[in-house]
C-alpha atoms as a PDB file:
ATOM      1  CA  MET A   1      -0.124   0.092  -0.162  1.00  0.00           C
ATOM      2  CA  MET A   2       2.577   2.507   0.881  1.00  0.00           C
ATOM      3  CA  ASN A   3       4.671   1.692  -2.175  1.00  0.00           C
ATOM      4  CA  MET A   4       1.201   2.334  -3.909  1.00  0.00           C
ATOM      5  CA  LEU A   5       0.900   5.774  -2.230  1.00  0.00           C
ATOM      6  CA  ARG A   6       4.397   6.886  -3.406  1.00  0.00           C
ATOM      7  CA  ASP A   7       3.621   6.311  -7.071  1.00  0.00           C
ATOM      8  CA  PHE A   8       1.434   8.904  -9.114  1.00  0.00           C
ATOM      9  CA  TRP A   9      -0.259   6.259 -10.880  1.00  0.00           C
ATOM     10  CA  GLY A  10      -1.037   4.286  -7.888  1.00  0.00           C
ATOM     11  CA  ASP A  11      -2.732   7.546  -6.051  1.00  0.00           C
ATOM     12  CA  ILE A  12      -4.778   7.655  -9.397  1.00  0.00           C
ATOM     13  CA  PHE A  13      -5.941   4.090  -9.071  1.00  0.00           C
ATOM     14  CA  LEU A  14      -6.887   4.679  -5.627  1.00  0.00           C
ATOM     15  CA  LEU A  15      -8.527   7.769  -6.346  1.00  0.00           C
ATOM     16  CA  PHE A  16     -10.429   5.978  -9.076  1.00  0.00           C
ATOM     17  CA  LEU A  17     -11.828   3.082  -6.612  1.00  0.00           C
ATOM     18  CA  ILE A  18     -13.108   6.264  -4.169  1.00  0.00           C
ATOM     19  CA  LEU A  19     -14.876   7.800  -6.852  1.00  0.00           C
ATOM     20  CA  ILE A  20     -16.517   4.577  -7.672  1.00  0.00           C
ATOM     21  CA  LEU A  21     -17.974   4.296  -4.420  1.00  0.00           C
ATOM     22  CA  VAL A  22     -18.470   8.012  -3.626  1.00  0.00           C
ATOM     23  CA  SER A  23     -20.419   8.468  -6.849  1.00  0.00           C
ATOM     24  CA  ALA A  24     -22.703   5.444  -6.162  1.00  0.00           C
ATOM     25  CA  TYR A  25     -23.755   7.372  -2.907  1.00  0.00           C
ATOM     26  CA  ILE A  26     -24.151  10.794  -4.672  1.00  0.00           C
ATOM     27  CA  PHE A  27     -26.455   9.310  -7.512  1.00  0.00           C
ATOM     28  CA  ARG A  28     -28.436   7.307  -4.923  1.00  0.00           C
ATOM     29  CA  LYS A  29     -28.850  10.703  -2.831  1.00  0.00           C
ATOM     30  CA  LYS A  30     -29.762  12.849  -5.596  1.00  0.00           C
ATOM     31  CA  CYS A  31     -32.182  10.545  -7.196  1.00  0.00           C
ATOM     32  CA  LYS A  32     -34.150   9.910  -4.151  1.00  0.00           C
ATOM     33  CA  PRO A  33     -37.775  11.115  -4.237  1.00  0.00           C
ATOM     34  CA  SER A  34     -38.340  14.456  -2.659  1.00  0.00           C
ATOM     35  CA  PHE A  35     -42.190  13.988  -1.723  1.00  0.00           C
ATOM     36  CA  PRO A  36     -44.002  11.417   0.642  1.00  0.00           C
ATOM     37  CA  ILE A  37     -46.155   8.848  -0.834  1.00  0.00           C
ATOM     38  CA  ARG A  38     -49.042  10.063   1.487  1.00  0.00           C
ATOM     39  CA  SER A  39     -48.976  13.624  -0.427  1.00  0.00           C
ATOM     40  CA  ALA A  40     -49.909  11.864  -3.662  1.00  0.00           C
ATOM     41  CA  GLY A  41     -47.267  13.354  -5.541  1.00  0.00           C
ATOM     42  CA  GLN A  42     -47.481  16.760  -4.441  1.00  0.00           C
ATOM     43  CA  GLN A  43     -44.472  18.459  -2.718  1.00  0.00           C
ATOM     44  CA  LYS A  44     -46.683  19.719   0.243  1.00  0.00           C
ATOM     45  CA  GLU A  45     -48.578  17.256   2.219  1.00  0.00           C
ATOM     46  CA  GLU A  46     -51.963  17.883   3.145  1.00  0.00           C
ATOM     47  CA  LYS A  47     -54.005  15.858   5.962  1.00  0.00           C
ATOM     48  CA  LYS A  48     -56.568  15.112   3.667  1.00  0.00           C
ATOM     49  CA  ILE A  49     -55.908  14.916  -0.069  1.00  0.00           C
ATOM     50  CA  PHE A  50     -59.460  15.078  -1.146  1.00  0.00           C
ATOM     51  CA  GLU A  51     -60.822  17.833   1.522  1.00  0.00           C
ATOM     52  CA  ASN A  52     -60.660  20.758  -1.065  1.00  0.00           C
ATOM     53  CA  THR A  53     -62.865  19.069  -3.752  1.00  0.00           C
ATOM     54  CA  PRO A  54     -66.093  20.698  -3.206  1.00  0.00           C
ATOM     55  CA  VAL A  55     -67.833  18.984  -6.455  1.00  0.00           C
ATOM     56  CA  ILE A  56     -67.976  15.538  -4.869  1.00  0.00           C
ATOM     57  CA  GLY A  57     -69.799  14.526  -1.628  1.00  0.00           C
ATOM     58  CA  ASP A  58     -68.584  13.928   1.574  1.00  0.00           C
ATOM     59  CA  GLU A  59     -69.309  10.088   1.278  1.00  0.00           C
ATOM     60  CA  LEU A  60     -66.916   9.773  -1.822  1.00  0.00           C
ATOM     61  CA  LYS A  61     -64.387  12.078  -0.128  1.00  0.00           C
ATOM     62  CA  GLU A  62     -64.095   9.461   2.743  1.00  0.00           C
ATOM     63  CA  TRP A  63     -64.123   6.512   0.189  1.00  0.00           C
ATOM     64  CA  LEU A  64     -61.254   8.229  -1.866  1.00  0.00           C
ATOM     65  CA  GLU A  65     -59.083   8.787   1.248  1.00  0.00           C
ATOM     66  CA  THR A  66     -59.497   5.057   2.433  1.00  0.00           C
ATOM     67  CA  GLU A  67     -59.114   3.597  -0.976  1.00  0.00           C
ATOM     68  CA  TYR A  68     -55.696   6.332  -1.240  1.00  0.00           C
ATOM     69  CA  LYS A  69     -54.438   4.960   2.042  1.00  0.00           C
ATOM     70  CA  SER A  70     -54.760   1.362   1.061  1.00  0.00           C
ATOM     71  CA  LEU A  71     -52.568   1.985  -1.893  1.00  0.00           C
ATOM     72  CA  ASN A  72     -49.688   3.432   0.216  1.00  0.00           C
ATOM     73  CA  GLY A  73     -47.984  -0.027   0.341  1.00  0.00           C
ATOM     74  CA  VAL A  74     -48.016  -0.499  -3.398  1.00  0.00           C
ATOM     75  CA  LEU A  75     -46.994   2.889  -4.222  1.00  0.00           C
ATOM     76  CA  LYS A  76     -43.933   2.786  -1.562  1.00  0.00           C
ATOM     77  CA  ASN A  77     -43.066  -0.410  -3.477  1.00  0.00           C
ATOM     78  CA  TRP A  78     -43.104   1.114  -6.655  1.00  0.00           C
ATOM     79  CA  GLN A  79     -41.541   4.150  -5.571  1.00  0.00           C
ATOM     80  CA  LYS A  80     -38.413   2.339  -3.972  1.00  0.00           C
ATOM     81  CA  LYS A  81     -38.039   0.094  -7.162  1.00  0.00           C
ATOM     82  CA  ALA A  82     -38.246   3.271  -9.384  1.00  0.00           C
ATOM     83  CA  TRP A  83     -35.590   4.994  -7.205  1.00  0.00           C
ATOM     84  CA  THR A  84     -33.078   1.900  -7.252  1.00  0.00           C
ATOM     85  CA  TYR A  85     -33.599   1.519 -10.793  1.00  0.00           C
ATOM     86  CA  LYS A  86     -33.330   5.301 -11.781  1.00  0.00           C
ATOM     87  CA  TRP A  87     -29.719   5.865  -9.755  1.00  0.00           C
ATOM     88  CA  LEU A  88     -28.426   2.758 -10.990  1.00  0.00           C
ATOM     89  CA  HIS A  89     -29.212   3.732 -14.485  1.00  0.00           C
ATOM     90  CA  TYR A  90     -27.523   7.071 -14.442  1.00  0.00           C
ATOM     91  CA  TYR A  91     -24.752   5.883 -12.361  1.00  0.00           C
ATOM     92  CA  ILE A  92     -24.011   3.128 -14.985  1.00  0.00           C
ATOM     93  CA  ILE A  93     -24.248   5.102 -18.039  1.00  0.00           C
ATOM     94  CA  SER A  94     -22.206   7.754 -16.615  1.00  0.00           C
ATOM     95  CA  TRP A  95     -19.191   5.527 -15.818  1.00  0.00           C
ATOM     96  CA  VAL A  96     -19.613   3.436 -19.026  1.00  0.00           C
ATOM     97  CA  THR A  97     -19.314   6.654 -20.684  1.00  0.00           C
ATOM     98  CA  ILE A  98     -16.349   8.265 -19.053  1.00  0.00           C
ATOM     99  CA  ILE A  99     -14.420   5.085 -18.865  1.00  0.00           C
ATOM    100  CA  PRO A 100     -14.339   4.106 -22.762  1.00  0.00           C
ATOM    101  CA  PHE A 101     -13.267   7.913 -23.304  1.00  0.00           C
ATOM    102  CA  THR A 102     -10.549   8.131 -20.869  1.00  0.00           C
ATOM    103  CA  ILE A 103      -8.680   4.692 -21.633  1.00  0.00           C
ATOM    104  CA  PRO A 104      -7.108   5.803 -25.001  1.00  0.00           C
ATOM    105  CA  PHE A 105      -5.419   8.452 -22.946  1.00  0.00           C
ATOM    106  CA  LEU A 106      -4.076   5.959 -20.484  1.00  0.00           C
ATOM    107  CA  LEU A 107      -2.915   3.494 -23.012  1.00  0.00           C
ATOM    108  CA  GLY A 108       0.359   5.454 -23.413  1.00  0.00           C
ATOM    109  CA  TYR A 109       1.532   4.923 -19.712  1.00  0.00           C
ATOM    110  CA  VAL A 110       0.520   1.016 -19.462  1.00  0.00           C
ATOM    111  CA  GLN A 111       3.962  -0.019 -20.601  1.00  0.00           C
ATOM    112  CA  GLN A 112       5.904   2.487 -18.091  1.00  0.00           C
ATOM    113  CA  ASN A 113       3.833   1.679 -15.088  1.00  0.00           C
ATOM    114  CA  ASN A 114       2.166  -1.301 -13.693  1.00  0.00           C
ATOM    115  CA  TYR A 115      -0.556   0.433 -11.526  1.00  0.00           C
ATOM    116  CA  ALA A 116      -1.330   2.498 -15.019  1.00  0.00           C
ATOM    117  CA  MET A 117      -2.130  -0.821 -16.400  1.00  0.00           C
ATOM    118  CA  LEU A 118      -3.999  -2.372 -13.464  1.00  0.00           C
ATOM    119  CA  LEU A 119      -6.136   1.095 -13.733  1.00  0.00           C
ATOM    120  CA  VAL A 120      -6.769   0.283 -17.273  1.00  0.00           C
ATOM    121  CA  LYS A 121      -7.703  -3.365 -16.435  1.00  0.00           C
ATOM    122  CA  VAL A 122      -9.992  -2.598 -13.826  1.00  0.00           C
ATOM    123  CA  ALA A 123     -11.416   0.154 -15.494  1.00  0.00           C
ATOM    124  CA  SER A 124     -12.386  -1.885 -18.461  1.00  0.00           C
ATOM    125  CA  LEU A 125     -13.554  -4.852 -16.430  1.00  0.00           C
ATOM    126  CA  LEU A 126     -15.716  -2.488 -14.373  1.00  0.00           C
ATOM    127  CA  SER A 127     -17.011  -0.914 -17.663  1.00  0.00           C
ATOM    128  CA  ALA A 128     -18.082  -4.491 -18.986  1.00  0.00           C
ATOM    129  CA  VAL A 129     -19.691  -5.779 -15.800  1.00  0.00           C
ATOM    130  CA  LEU A 130     -21.685  -2.627 -15.440  1.00  0.00           C
ATOM    131  CA  LEU A 131     -22.931  -2.758 -18.978  1.00  0.00           C
ATOM    132  CA  GLY A 132     -23.824  -6.635 -18.343  1.00  0.00           C
ATOM    133  CA  ILE A 133     -25.570  -5.686 -15.213  1.00  0.00           C
ATOM    134  CA  HIS A 134     -27.663  -2.783 -17.025  1.00  0.00           C
ATOM    135  CA  SER A 135     -28.731  -4.941 -19.637  1.00  0.00           C
ATOM    136  CA  THR A 136     -29.312  -8.612 -17.772  1.00  0.00           C
ATOM    137  CA  PHE A 137     -31.490  -6.592 -15.212  1.00  0.00           C
ATOM    138  CA  LYS A 138     -33.252  -4.509 -17.727  1.00  0.00           C
ATOM    139  CA  ILE A 139     -32.465  -1.421 -15.330  1.00  0.00           C
ATOM    140  CA  GLN A 140     -33.579   1.453 -17.786  1.00  0.00           C
ATOM    141  CA  ASP A 141     -36.711  -0.150 -18.824  1.00  0.00           C
ATOM    142  CA  ASN A 142     -37.779  -1.188 -14.951  1.00  0.00           C
ATOM    143  CA  TYR A 143     -37.105   2.206 -13.875  1.00  0.00           C
ATOM    144  CA  LYS A 144     -39.574   3.377 -16.637  1.00  0.00           C
ATOM    145  CA  LYS A 145     -42.452   0.996 -15.826  1.00  0.00           C
ATOM    146  CA  PHE A 146     -42.461   1.545 -12.110  1.00  0.00           C
ATOM    147  CA  ARG A 147     -41.734   5.392 -12.290  1.00  0.00           C
ATOM    148  CA  LEU A 148     -45.022   5.196 -14.721  1.00  0.00           C
ATOM    149  CA  PHE A 149     -47.027   3.075 -12.461  1.00  0.00           C
ATOM    150  CA  GLU A 150     -46.610   5.439  -9.580  1.00  0.00           C
ATOM    151  CA  SER A 151     -47.042   8.433 -11.903  1.00  0.00           C
ATOM    152  CA  GLN A 152     -50.500   7.218 -13.196  1.00  0.00           C
ATOM    153  CA  VAL A 153     -52.100   6.849  -9.566  1.00  0.00           C
ATOM    154  CA  TYR A 154     -51.017  10.445  -8.899  1.00  0.00           C
ATOM    155  CA  ASP A 155     -52.792  11.521 -12.080  1.00  0.00           C
ATOM    156  CA  LEU A 156     -55.887   9.662 -11.138  1.00  0.00           C
ATOM    157  CA  VAL A 157     -55.966  11.465  -7.703  1.00  0.00           C
ATOM    158  CA  ARG A 158     -55.229  14.886  -9.284  1.00  0.00           C
ATOM    159  CA  ARG A 159     -57.833  14.579 -11.859  1.00  0.00           C
ATOM    160  CA  MET A 160     -60.461  13.572  -9.244  1.00  0.00           C
ATOM    161  CA  ILE A 161     -59.437  16.483  -7.479  1.00  0.00           C
ATOM    162  CA  ALA A 162     -59.503  19.106 -10.475  1.00  0.00           C
ATOM    163  CA  TYR A 163     -62.123  17.513 -12.941  1.00  0.00           C
ATOM    164  CA  PRO A 164     -64.102  14.604 -11.035  1.00  0.00           C
ATOM    165  CA  GLU A 165     -66.548  15.028 -13.982  1.00  0.00           C
ATOM    166  CA  SER A 166     -64.096  13.098 -16.173  1.00  0.00           C
ATOM    167  CA  PHE A 167     -65.104   9.966 -13.999  1.00  0.00           C
ATOM    168  CA  GLY A 168     -68.929  10.444 -14.206  1.00  0.00           C
ATOM    169  CA  ASP A 169     -71.625  12.811 -13.589  1.00  0.00           C
ATOM    170  CA  LYS A 170     -72.489  11.266 -10.454  1.00  0.00           C
ATOM    171  CA  ASP A 171     -70.406  10.077  -7.168  1.00  0.00           C
ATOM    172  CA  GLU A 172     -71.606   6.609  -7.390  1.00  0.00           C
ATOM    173  CA  LYS A 173     -69.794   6.663 -11.225  1.00  0.00           C
ATOM    174  CA  ARG A 174     -66.947   8.384 -10.104  1.00  0.00           C
ATOM    175  CA  ARG A 175     -66.226   5.791  -7.423  1.00  0.00           C
ATOM    176  CA  ILE A 176     -66.654   3.018  -9.830  1.00  0.00           C
ATOM    177  CA  ARG A 177     -64.293   4.553 -12.430  1.00  0.00           C
ATOM    178  CA  PHE A 178     -61.605   5.547 -10.164  1.00  0.00           C
ATOM    179  CA  PHE A 179     -61.924   1.990  -8.763  1.00  0.00           C
ATOM    180  CA  GLU A 180     -61.602   0.258 -12.104  1.00  0.00           C
ATOM    181  CA  GLU A 181     -58.594   2.595 -13.200  1.00  0.00           C
ATOM    182  CA  ILE A 182     -56.688   2.049  -9.920  1.00  0.00           C
ATOM    183  CA  GLN A 183     -57.173  -1.826 -10.603  1.00  0.00           C
ATOM    184  CA  LYS A 184     -55.813  -1.430 -13.858  1.00  0.00           C
ATOM    185  CA  ILE A 185     -52.714   0.084 -12.879  1.00  0.00           C
ATOM    186  CA  ARG A 186     -52.449  -2.297 -10.237  1.00  0.00           C
ATOM    187  CA  GLU A 187     -52.889  -5.274 -12.295  1.00  0.00           C
ATOM    188  CA  ALA A 188     -50.232  -3.979 -14.789  1.00  0.00           C
ATOM    189  CA  GLY A 189     -47.864  -3.348 -11.973  1.00  0.00           C
ATOM    190  CA  ARG A 190     -48.401  -6.984 -10.844  1.00  0.00           C
ATOM    191  CA  ASN A 191     -47.489  -8.279 -14.172  1.00  0.00           C
ATOM    192  CA  ALA A 192     -44.361  -6.127 -14.363  1.00  0.00           C
ATOM    193  CA  GLU A 193     -43.065  -7.540 -11.164  1.00  0.00           C
ATOM    194  CA  ILE A 194     -43.888 -11.212 -12.269  1.00  0.00           C
ATOM    195  CA  GLU A 195     -42.384 -10.771 -15.622  1.00  0.00           C
ATOM    196  CA  ASN A 196     -38.992  -8.955 -14.482  1.00  0.00           C
ATOM    197  CA  ILE A 197     -36.938 -11.835 -14.935  1.00  0.00           C
ATOM    198  CA  PRO A 198     -33.359 -10.891 -15.896  1.00  0.00           C
ATOM    199  CA  ASN A 199     -32.282 -11.498 -19.373  1.00  0.00           C
ATOM    200  CA  SER A 200     -30.022 -14.293 -19.985  1.00  0.00           C
ATOM    201  CA  THR A 201     -27.981 -12.513 -22.651  1.00  0.00           C
ATOM    202  CA  PRO A 202     -27.408  -8.882 -23.432  1.00  0.00           C
ATOM    203  CA  ASN A 203     -29.854  -6.970 -25.405  1.00  0.00           C
ATOM    204  CA  SER A 204     -30.569  -3.665 -26.601  1.00  0.00           C
ATOM    205  CA  THR A 205     -31.924  -2.079 -23.253  1.00  0.00           C
ATOM    206  CA  PHE A 206     -29.090  -0.058 -22.772  1.00  0.00           C
ATOM    207  CA  ARG A 207     -29.724   3.320 -24.339  1.00  0.00           C
ATOM    208  CA  SER A 208     -28.801   6.696 -22.714  1.00  0.00           C
END
């Protein structure tokens, strides 16, 4: 270790390893959702989401509040998956873009320094592994899917608040239509989770 620290390329190699870890933490932190599930996708959390919706009756409001609370567990699951896939996606595409770009500049030093050679080997291997993980676990596609499921629920809630007439002219029709739309989203989400099987071979899912 001391010999590595005394060598310029040894220092660069250690710095590279540190950046790999630190950047993972930064991407994970930056991509974290900034709003709680209970707020239905809003930055400001209200005690009751449908409280300020004068067009619909109190009975429907209470039903909607209860129905949305029952969705919190599913939404948290989707939000967590979307967040995980999002930061992994941006973390991976950043490194697999940076590494191939920098390696040509390092090749002139690999014959002169063992640590420079080690850096090139480790960086090349890391790039290949990250790209394989991105493709095998369909990271970009899964991020889009679970973020879309979550967003669709929030869109339904906002539509019920702003334009309940779009669900029907009476509260009973609105309740049934809202329930049907929610069930469609939940079914699509369940199917996505069941079908979320890693690819056995790399494919074209990697697109920045």
